[in-house]
Structures are given as C-alpha cells and as structure tokens.
Amino acid sequence: MSLRLGALQDALLDPGNVDKALRAAEEVAGYENRLAAIENRLTLLTWMVTFLTALAVANLWLTMTVLSRLPR
C-alpha cells in the first residue's frame, strides 16, 4: 500500500461526488484495519518482551542464590 491516499485526495478535491467519497471511505477503512493489526502485533510483542525480561531476572536471582550458598 502506498503512503498517499489517492482516493481520499480525489474525494476532498471533488466534494459533491458520492462515488469518490465511498472509495475514499473504503481506502481509509483499509488503513484503519492495517493499523489495528499492527497495534495487535505490537501488544503481543510487548507482552513477550515483558515475560522474557521477568524470566531473565528470575534466572539471575536463582543463579545468584545458588552461587551464594556454595561453599568457598
């Protein structure tokens, strides 16, 4: 998909044309769906990073606990 919304620009330049307005609405809705999908994936990635960070901290804590109990 291109960054330029051509149908939206055409509809804004010709405000009386209903067909152009409908095409522009479909084009904007397509971008909205695409942005929603990106937002969902970003939320999933955020949860994954949070979980892995917590796992790494727990691993570090457990390692330090075990190492501190070893005889010197």
PDB file of N, CA and C in Angstrom:
ATOM      1  N   MET A   1       0.842  -1.185   0.000  1.00  0.00           N
ATOM      2  CA  MET A   1       0.000   0.000   0.000  1.00  0.00           C
ATOM      3  C   MET A   1       0.882   1.241   0.000  1.00  0.00           C
ATOM      4  N   SER A   2       0.449   2.189  -0.755  1.00  0.00           N
ATOM      5  CA  SER A   2       1.214   3.424  -0.810  1.00  0.00           C
ATOM      6  C   SER A   2       0.866   4.305   0.373  1.00  0.00           C
ATOM      7  N   LEU A   3       1.746   5.239   0.620  1.00  0.00           N
ATOM      8  CA  LEU A   3       1.534   6.150   1.737  1.00  0.00           C
ATOM      9  C   LEU A   3       0.511   7.222   1.373  1.00  0.00           C
ATOM     10  N   ARG A   4       0.408   7.536   0.113  1.00  0.00           N
ATOM     11  CA  ARG A   4      -0.507   8.588  -0.340  1.00  0.00           C
ATOM     12  C   ARG A   4      -1.909   8.011  -0.517  1.00  0.00           C
ATOM     13  N   LEU A   5      -2.889   8.662   0.051  1.00  0.00           N
ATOM     14  CA  LEU A   5      -4.277   8.227  -0.082  1.00  0.00           C
ATOM     15  C   LEU A   5      -4.895   8.947  -1.279  1.00  0.00           C
ATOM     16  N   GLY A   6      -4.750   8.345  -2.447  1.00  0.00           N
ATOM     17  CA  GLY A   6      -5.198   8.986  -3.682  1.00  0.00           C
ATOM     18  C   GLY A   6      -6.700   9.171  -3.750  1.00  0.00           C
ATOM     19  N   ALA A   7      -7.462   8.164  -3.356  1.00  0.00           N
ATOM     20  CA  ALA A   7      -8.922   8.271  -3.404  1.00  0.00           C
ATOM     21  C   ALA A   7      -9.421   9.320  -2.426  1.00  0.00           C
ATOM     22  N   LEU A   8      -8.771   9.435  -1.282  1.00  0.00           N
ATOM     23  CA  LEU A   8      -9.162  10.454  -0.308  1.00  0.00           C
ATOM     24  C   LEU A   8      -8.888  11.849  -0.855  1.00  0.00           C
ATOM     25  N   GLN A   9      -7.759  12.005  -1.502  1.00  0.00           N
ATOM     26  CA  GLN A   9      -7.434  13.307  -2.081  1.00  0.00           C
ATOM     27  C   GLN A   9      -8.442  13.671  -3.183  1.00  0.00           C
ATOM     28  N   ASP A  10      -8.788  12.702  -4.019  1.00  0.00           N
ATOM     29  CA  ASP A  10      -9.771  12.953  -5.072  1.00  0.00           C
ATOM     30  C   ASP A  10     -11.123  13.344  -4.483  1.00  0.00           C
ATOM     31  N   ALA A  11     -11.533  12.669  -3.406  1.00  0.00           N
ATOM     32  CA  ALA A  11     -12.821  12.968  -2.779  1.00  0.00           C
ATOM     33  C   ALA A  11     -12.817  14.349  -2.134  1.00  0.00           C
ATOM     34  N   LEU A  12     -11.693  14.739  -1.558  1.00  0.00           N
ATOM     35  CA  LEU A  12     -11.613  16.064  -0.937  1.00  0.00           C
ATOM     36  C   LEU A  12     -11.598  17.178  -1.974  1.00  0.00           C
ATOM     37  N   LEU A  13     -11.033  16.890  -3.154  1.00  0.00           N
ATOM     38  CA  LEU A  13     -11.000  17.898  -4.213  1.00  0.00           C
ATOM     39  C   LEU A  13     -12.342  18.021  -4.927  1.00  0.00           C
ATOM     40  N   ASP A  14     -13.149  16.958  -4.883  1.00  0.00           N
ATOM     41  CA  ASP A  14     -14.463  16.970  -5.525  1.00  0.00           C
ATOM     42  C   ASP A  14     -15.513  16.561  -4.488  1.00  0.00           C
ATOM     43  N   PRO A  15     -15.946  17.478  -3.628  1.00  0.00           N
ATOM     44  CA  PRO A  15     -16.807  17.116  -2.502  1.00  0.00           C
ATOM     45  C   PRO A  15     -18.203  16.659  -2.899  1.00  0.00           C
ATOM     46  N   GLY A  16     -18.670  16.916  -4.100  1.00  0.00           N
ATOM     47  CA  GLY A  16     -20.027  16.538  -4.485  1.00  0.00           C
ATOM     48  C   GLY A  16     -20.148  15.128  -5.037  1.00  0.00           C
ATOM     49  N   ASN A  17     -19.050  14.457  -5.295  1.00  0.00           N
ATOM     50  CA  ASN A  17     -19.064  13.146  -5.933  1.00  0.00           C
ATOM     51  C   ASN A  17     -19.162  12.040  -4.867  1.00  0.00           C
ATOM     52  N   VAL A  18     -20.292  11.330  -4.866  1.00  0.00           N
ATOM     53  CA  VAL A  18     -20.539  10.297  -3.862  1.00  0.00           C
ATOM     54  C   VAL A  18     -19.666   9.069  -4.116  1.00  0.00           C
ATOM     55  N   ASP A  19     -19.438   8.718  -5.373  1.00  0.00           N
ATOM     56  CA  ASP A  19     -18.620   7.542  -5.683  1.00  0.00           C
ATOM     57  C   ASP A  19     -17.190   7.711  -5.173  1.00  0.00           C
ATOM     58  N   LYS A  20     -16.650   8.900  -5.363  1.00  0.00           N
ATOM     59  CA  LYS A  20     -15.294   9.164  -4.871  1.00  0.00           C
ATOM     60  C   LYS A  20     -15.256   9.130  -3.344  1.00  0.00           C
ATOM     61  N   ALA A  21     -16.309   9.603  -2.713  1.00  0.00           N
ATOM     62  CA  ALA A  21     -16.368   9.591  -1.250  1.00  0.00           C
ATOM     63  C   ALA A  21     -16.418   8.148  -0.733  1.00  0.00           C
ATOM     64  N   LEU A  22     -17.169   7.288  -1.412  1.00  0.00           N
ATOM     65  CA  LEU A  22     -17.245   5.886  -0.994  1.00  0.00           C
ATOM     66  C   LEU A  22     -15.900   5.179  -1.169  1.00  0.00           C
ATOM     67  N   ARG A  23     -15.225   5.441  -2.285  1.00  0.00           N
ATOM     68  CA  ARG A  23     -13.902   4.854  -2.494  1.00  0.00           C
ATOM     69  C   ARG A  23     -12.911   5.346  -1.439  1.00  0.00           C
ATOM     70  N   ALA A  24     -13.015   6.626  -1.101  1.00  0.00           N
ATOM     71  CA  ALA A  24     -12.130   7.181  -0.070  1.00  0.00           C
ATOM     72  C   ALA A  24     -12.409   6.547   1.289  1.00  0.00           C
ATOM     73  N   ALA A  25     -13.675   6.327   1.604  1.00  0.00           N
ATOM     74  CA  ALA A  25     -14.028   5.692   2.881  1.00  0.00           C
ATOM     75  C   ALA A  25     -13.495   4.263   2.940  1.00  0.00           C
ATOM     76  N   GLU A  26     -13.588   3.531   1.832  1.00  0.00           N
ATOM     77  CA  GLU A  26     -13.051   2.169   1.793  1.00  0.00           C
ATOM     78  C   GLU A  26     -11.537   2.176   1.962  1.00  0.00           C
ATOM     79  N   GLU A  27     -10.881   3.140   1.332  1.00  0.00           N
ATOM     80  CA  GLU A  27      -9.430   3.230   1.427  1.00  0.00           C
ATOM     81  C   GLU A  27      -8.985   3.549   2.860  1.00  0.00           C
ATOM     82  N   VAL A  28      -9.677   4.475   3.502  1.00  0.00           N
ATOM     83  CA  VAL A  28      -9.350   4.834   4.886  1.00  0.00           C
ATOM     84  C   VAL A  28      -9.639   3.660   5.819  1.00  0.00           C
ATOM     85  N   ALA A  29     -10.720   2.933   5.575  1.00  0.00           N
ATOM     86  CA  ALA A  29     -11.046   1.766   6.400  1.00  0.00           C
ATOM     87  C   ALA A  29      -9.974   0.695   6.255  1.00  0.00           C
ATOM     88  N   GLY A  30      -9.437   0.541   5.061  1.00  0.00           N
ATOM     89  CA  GLY A  30      -8.348  -0.416   4.849  1.00  0.00           C
ATOM     90  C   GLY A  30      -7.117  -0.051   5.658  1.00  0.00           C
ATOM     91  N   TYR A  31      -6.799   1.222   5.703  1.00  0.00           N
ATOM     92  CA  TYR A  31      -5.666   1.663   6.508  1.00  0.00           C
ATOM     93  C   TYR A  31      -5.950   1.481   7.992  1.00  0.00           C
ATOM     94  N   GLU A  32      -7.194   1.708   8.399  1.00  0.00           N
ATOM     95  CA  GLU A  32      -7.549   1.539   9.808  1.00  0.00           C
ATOM     96  C   GLU A  32      -7.395   0.072  10.216  1.00  0.00           C
ATOM     97  N   ASN A  33      -7.811  -0.853   9.352  1.00  0.00           N
ATOM     98  CA  ASN A  33      -7.659  -2.281   9.635  1.00  0.00           C
ATOM     99  C   ASN A  33      -6.185  -2.651   9.726  1.00  0.00           C
ATOM    100  N   ARG A  34      -5.398  -2.079   8.830  1.00  0.00           N
ATOM    101  CA  ARG A  34      -3.962  -2.371   8.831  1.00  0.00           C
ATOM    102  C   ARG A  34      -3.312  -1.855  10.107  1.00  0.00           C
ATOM    103  N   LEU A  35      -3.684  -0.661  10.540  1.00  0.00           N
ATOM    104  CA  LEU A  35      -3.128  -0.109  11.770  1.00  0.00           C
ATOM    105  C   LEU A  35      -3.567  -0.906  12.996  1.00  0.00           C
ATOM    106  N   ALA A  36      -4.790  -1.407  12.986  1.00  0.00           N
ATOM    107  CA  ALA A  36      -5.262  -2.222  14.105  1.00  0.00           C
ATOM    108  C   ALA A  36      -4.463  -3.524  14.190  1.00  0.00           C
ATOM    109  N   ALA A  37      -4.155  -4.120  13.051  1.00  0.00           N
ATOM    110  CA  ALA A  37      -3.365  -5.347  13.041  1.00  0.00           C
ATOM    111  C   ALA A  37      -1.954  -5.088  13.565  1.00  0.00           C
ATOM    112  N   ILE A  38      -1.379  -3.966  13.176  1.00  0.00           N
ATOM    113  CA  ILE A  38      -0.044  -3.611  13.666  1.00  0.00           C
ATOM    114  C   ILE A  38      -0.084  -3.377  15.170  1.00  0.00           C
ATOM    115  N   GLU A  39      -1.129  -2.729  15.646  1.00  0.00           N
ATOM    116  CA  GLU A  39      -1.265  -2.475  17.082  1.00  0.00           C
ATOM    117  C   GLU A  39      -1.391  -3.789  17.857  1.00  0.00           C
ATOM    118  N   ASN A  40      -2.138  -4.744  17.322  1.00  0.00           N
ATOM    119  CA  ASN A  40      -2.281  -6.047  17.978  1.00  0.00           C
ATOM    120  C   ASN A  40      -0.945  -6.778  18.057  1.00  0.00           C
ATOM    121  N   ARG A  41      -0.188  -6.738  16.964  1.00  0.00           N
ATOM    122  CA  ARG A  41       1.118  -7.393  16.970  1.00  0.00           C
ATOM    123  C   ARG A  41       2.077  -6.708  17.931  1.00  0.00           C
ATOM    124  N   LEU A  42       2.004  -5.384  18.013  1.00  0.00           N
ATOM    125  CA  LEU A  42       2.861  -4.648  18.936  1.00  0.00           C
ATOM    126  C   LEU A  42       2.517  -4.977  20.380  1.00  0.00           C
ATOM    127  N   THR A  43       1.241  -5.142  20.677  1.00  0.00           N
ATOM    128  CA  THR A  43       0.825  -5.536  22.025  1.00  0.00           C
ATOM    129  C   THR A  43       1.369  -6.916  22.368  1.00  0.00           C
ATOM    130  N   LEU A  44       1.285  -7.842  21.436  1.00  0.00           N
ATOM    131  CA  LEU A  44       1.808  -9.184  21.661  1.00  0.00           C
ATOM    132  C   LEU A  44       3.315  -9.144  21.903  1.00  0.00           C
ATOM    133  N   LEU A  45       4.029  -8.386  21.088  1.00  0.00           N
ATOM    134  CA  LEU A  45       5.476  -8.287  21.262  1.00  0.00           C
ATOM    135  C   LEU A  45       5.839  -7.656  22.598  1.00  0.00           C
ATOM    136  N   THR A  46       5.055  -6.681  23.045  1.00  0.00           N
ATOM    137  CA  THR A  46       5.303  -6.055  24.341  1.00  0.00           C
ATOM    138  C   THR A  46       5.154  -7.075  25.465  1.00  0.00           C
ATOM    139  N   TRP A  47       4.103  -7.892  25.407  1.00  0.00           N
ATOM    140  CA  TRP A  47       3.912  -8.925  26.426  1.00  0.00           C
ATOM    141  C   TRP A  47       5.045  -9.950  26.382  1.00  0.00           C
ATOM    142  N   MET A  48       5.499 -10.300  25.185  1.00  0.00           N
ATOM    143  CA  MET A  48       6.584 -11.270  25.058  1.00  0.00           C
ATOM    144  C   MET A  48       7.871 -10.731  25.672  1.00  0.00           C
ATOM    145  N   VAL A  49       8.197  -9.485  25.395  1.00  0.00           N
ATOM    146  CA  VAL A  49       9.412  -8.879  25.946  1.00  0.00           C
ATOM    147  C   VAL A  49       9.306  -8.777  27.462  1.00  0.00           C
ATOM    148  N   THR A  50       8.145  -8.404  27.968  1.00  0.00           N
ATOM    149  CA  THR A  50       7.946  -8.315  29.413  1.00  0.00           C
ATOM    150  C   THR A  50       8.137  -9.676  30.074  1.00  0.00           C
ATOM    151  N   PHE A  51       7.559 -10.708  29.500  1.00  0.00           N
ATOM    152  CA  PHE A  51       7.691 -12.058  30.050  1.00  0.00           C
ATOM    153  C   PHE A  51       9.140 -12.521  30.033  1.00  0.00           C
ATOM    154  N   LEU A  52       9.837 -12.300  28.920  1.00  0.00           N
ATOM    155  CA  LEU A  52      11.226 -12.737  28.825  1.00  0.00           C
ATOM    156  C   LEU A  52      12.129 -11.949  29.767  1.00  0.00           C
ATOM    157  N   THR A  53      11.837 -10.675  29.983  1.00  0.00           N
ATOM    158  CA  THR A  53      12.616  -9.884  30.941  1.00  0.00           C
ATOM    159  C   THR A  53      12.409 -10.419  32.353  1.00  0.00           C
ATOM    160  N   ALA A  54      11.165 -10.717  32.708  1.00  0.00           N
ATOM    161  CA  ALA A  54      10.890 -11.286  34.028  1.00  0.00           C
ATOM    162  C   ALA A  54      11.574 -12.641  34.180  1.00  0.00           C
ATOM    163  N   LEU A  55      11.580 -13.435  33.144  1.00  0.00           N
ATOM    164  CA  LEU A  55      12.239 -14.736  33.185  1.00  0.00           C
ATOM    165  C   LEU A  55      13.749 -14.574  33.369  1.00  0.00           C
ATOM    166  N   ALA A  56      14.336 -13.608  32.703  1.00  0.00           N
ATOM    167  CA  ALA A  56      15.771 -13.358  32.842  1.00  0.00           C
ATOM    168  C   ALA A  56      16.119 -12.887  34.247  1.00  0.00           C
ATOM    169  N   VAL A  57      15.288 -12.029  34.823  1.00  0.00           N
ATOM    170  CA  VAL A  57      15.525 -11.549  36.189  1.00  0.00           C
ATOM    171  C   VAL A  57      15.402 -12.703  37.171  1.00  0.00           C
ATOM    172  N   ALA A  58      14.404 -13.559  37.007  1.00  0.00           N
ATOM    173  CA  ALA A  58      14.238 -14.719  37.880  1.00  0.00           C
ATOM    174  C   ALA A  58      15.424 -15.669  37.744  1.00  0.00           C
ATOM    175  N   ASN A  59      15.904 -15.854  36.534  1.00  0.00           N
ATOM    176  CA  ASN A  59      17.062 -16.710  36.296  1.00  0.00           C
ATOM    177  C   ASN A  59      18.298 -16.130  36.981  1.00  0.00           C
ATOM    178  N   LEU A  60      18.493 -14.845  36.871  1.00  0.00           N
ATOM    179  CA  LEU A  60      19.634 -14.193  37.526  1.00  0.00           C
ATOM    180  C   LEU A  60      19.528 -14.327  39.040  1.00  0.00           C
ATOM    181  N   TRP A  61      18.353 -14.101  39.597  1.00  0.00           N
ATOM    182  CA  TRP A  61      18.153 -14.220  41.044  1.00  0.00           C
ATOM    183  C   TRP A  61      18.424 -15.645  41.513  1.00  0.00           C
ATOM    184  N   LEU A  62      17.902 -16.617  40.781  1.00  0.00           N
ATOM    185  CA  LEU A  62      18.106 -18.012  41.157  1.00  0.00           C
ATOM    186  C   LEU A  62      19.585 -18.387  41.072  1.00  0.00           C
ATOM    187  N   THR A  63      20.256 -17.948  40.049  1.00  0.00           N
ATOM    188  CA  THR A  63      21.684 -18.228  39.905  1.00  0.00           C
ATOM    189  C   THR A  63      22.476 -17.626  41.052  1.00  0.00           C
ATOM    190  N   MET A  64      22.180 -16.377  41.393  1.00  0.00           N
ATOM    191  CA  MET A  64      22.892 -15.730  42.489  1.00  0.00           C
ATOM    192  C   MET A  64      22.589 -16.408  43.823  1.00  0.00           C
ATOM    193  N   THR A  65      21.379 -16.873  44.013  1.00  0.00           N
ATOM    194  CA  THR A  65      21.011 -17.564  45.246  1.00  0.00           C
ATOM    195  C   THR A  65      21.775 -18.877  45.372  1.00  0.00           C
ATOM    196  N   VAL A  66      21.842 -19.641  44.308  1.00  0.00           N
ATOM    197  CA  VAL A  66      22.558 -20.917  44.325  1.00  0.00           C
ATOM    198  C   VAL A  66      24.039 -20.684  44.522  1.00  0.00           C
ATOM    199  N   LEU A  67      24.604 -19.706  43.825  1.00  0.00           N
ATOM    200  CA  LEU A  67      26.036 -19.442  43.949  1.00  0.00           C
ATOM    201  C   LEU A  67      26.414 -18.939  45.333  1.00  0.00           C
ATOM    202  N   SER A  68      25.521 -18.201  45.973  1.00  0.00           N
ATOM    203  CA  SER A  68      25.842 -17.680  47.304  1.00  0.00           C
ATOM    204  C   SER A  68      25.825 -18.779  48.362  1.00  0.00           C
ATOM    205  N   ARG A  69      25.164 -19.894  48.096  1.00  0.00           N
ATOM    206  CA  ARG A  69      25.099 -20.997  49.052  1.00  0.00           C
ATOM    207  C   ARG A  69      26.199 -22.029  48.864  1.00  0.00           C
ATOM    208  N   LEU A  70      26.971 -21.894  47.817  1.00  0.00           N
ATOM    209  CA  LEU A  70      28.066 -22.855  47.593  1.00  0.00           C
ATOM    210  C   LEU A  70      29.186 -22.588  48.598  1.00  0.00           C
ATOM    211  N   PRO A  71      29.857 -23.643  49.025  1.00  0.00           N
ATOM    212  CA  PRO A  71      30.976 -23.423  49.928  1.00  0.00           C
ATOM    213  C   PRO A  71      32.148 -22.772  49.173  1.00  0.00           C
ATOM    214  N   ARG A  72      32.896 -21.992  49.913  1.00  0.00           N
ATOM    215  CA  ARG A  72      34.026 -21.298  49.272  1.00  0.00           C
ATOM    216  C   ARG A  72      35.293 -22.043  49.417  1.00  0.00           C
TER     217      ARG A  72
END
